[in-house]
């Protein structure tokens, strides 16, 4: 609770993914990291993810860093090698 309170004071909004990547042309890929075992997307996260996707942004939910990395490069691999 103490950590949540501190983060809220710093402006962190519940549900916003952990990371984002800003690409050429203003495109954004949001990355939500979950643990490989038991990590679940919260209601607040589902709502924010849906809002971002409605705006044409991409949201990746990775079960661990490797899964997120693999999804990211599956999505952008050819584009990144140019």
Protein backbone atom coordinates (compact mmCIF):
# COMPACT_ATOMS: atom_id res chain seq x y z
CA UNK A 1 0.00 0.00 0.00
CA UNK A 2 2.84 2.38 0.81
CA UNK A 3 4.46 1.77 -2.58
CA UNK A 4 1.13 2.25 -4.39
CA UNK A 5 0.58 5.53 -2.57
CA UNK A 6 4.07 6.75 -3.48
CA UNK A 7 3.61 5.80 -7.12
CA UNK A 8 0.23 7.57 -7.28
CA UNK A 9 1.86 10.73 -5.89
CA UNK A 10 4.41 10.48 -8.68
CA UNK A 11 1.63 10.43 -11.28
CA UNK A 12 1.48 6.74 -12.09
CA UNK A 13 -1.96 5.81 -13.45
CA UNK A 14 -3.42 2.37 -12.68
CA UNK A 15 -3.60 0.14 -15.72
CA UNK A 16 -0.99 1.86 -17.89
CA UNK A 17 1.49 -0.70 -19.27
CA UNK A 18 4.98 -0.94 -17.83
CA UNK A 19 6.91 0.18 -20.93
CA UNK A 20 6.36 1.87 -24.24
CA UNK A 21 8.34 2.17 -27.46
CA UNK A 22 7.89 5.26 -29.61
CA UNK A 23 8.41 4.48 -33.28
CA UNK A 24 8.83 6.62 -36.37
CA UNK A 25 5.67 8.44 -37.34
CA UNK A 26 4.46 8.67 -33.75
CA UNK A 27 3.40 5.02 -33.51
CA UNK A 28 3.48 3.55 -30.03
CA UNK A 29 3.85 -0.02 -28.82
CA UNK A 30 2.92 -0.54 -25.18
CA UNK A 31 4.44 -3.48 -23.28
CA UNK A 32 2.82 -5.01 -20.21
CA UNK A 33 5.09 -7.44 -18.37
CA UNK A 34 3.59 -10.26 -16.34
CA UNK A 35 5.24 -13.10 -14.50
CA UNK A 36 5.46 -16.34 -16.45
CA UNK A 37 3.39 -18.15 -13.84
CA UNK A 38 0.26 -16.57 -12.45
CA UNK A 39 0.60 -13.07 -13.90
CA UNK A 40 -2.83 -11.72 -14.85
CA UNK A 41 -4.10 -8.56 -16.51
CA UNK A 42 -6.24 -6.49 -14.12
CA UNK A 43 -9.58 -4.89 -14.98
CA UNK A 44 -7.90 -1.46 -15.05
CA UNK A 45 -5.28 -2.82 -17.46
CA UNK A 46 -7.90 -4.36 -19.76
CA UNK A 47 -9.68 -1.01 -19.93
CA UNK A 48 -6.53 0.98 -20.70
CA UNK A 49 -5.33 -1.59 -23.24
CA UNK A 50 -8.67 -1.43 -25.06
CA UNK A 51 -8.54 2.37 -25.12
CA UNK A 52 -5.01 2.36 -26.56
CA UNK A 53 -5.95 -0.23 -29.19
CA UNK A 54 -9.03 1.80 -30.21
CA UNK A 55 -6.57 4.64 -30.94
CA UNK A 56 -4.52 2.39 -33.22
CA UNK A 57 -1.76 1.65 -30.74
CA UNK A 58 -0.40 -1.82 -30.10
CA UNK A 59 -0.35 -3.46 -26.67
CA UNK A 60 1.84 -6.51 -26.01
CA UNK A 61 1.28 -8.56 -22.87
CA UNK A 62 4.37 -10.64 -22.24
CA UNK A 63 4.54 -13.59 -19.85
CA UNK A 64 8.07 -12.71 -18.80
CA UNK A 65 10.65 -10.55 -20.56
CA UNK A 66 11.55 -13.17 -23.18
CA UNK A 67 7.92 -13.57 -24.27
CA UNK A 68 7.51 -9.79 -24.54
CA UNK A 69 10.79 -9.54 -26.50
CA UNK A 70 9.72 -12.34 -28.86
CA UNK A 71 6.30 -10.74 -29.48
CA UNK A 72 7.93 -7.35 -30.10
CA UNK A 73 10.34 -8.73 -32.68
CA UNK A 74 7.67 -10.91 -34.28
CA UNK A 75 5.64 -7.75 -34.77
CA UNK A 76 8.47 -5.45 -35.88
CA UNK A 77 11.34 -7.72 -36.86
CA UNK A 78 11.36 -6.98 -40.61
CA UNK A 79 10.86 -3.28 -39.99
CA UNK A 80 13.77 -3.10 -37.53
CA UNK A 81 16.29 -4.69 -39.90
CA UNK A 82 16.00 -1.94 -42.49
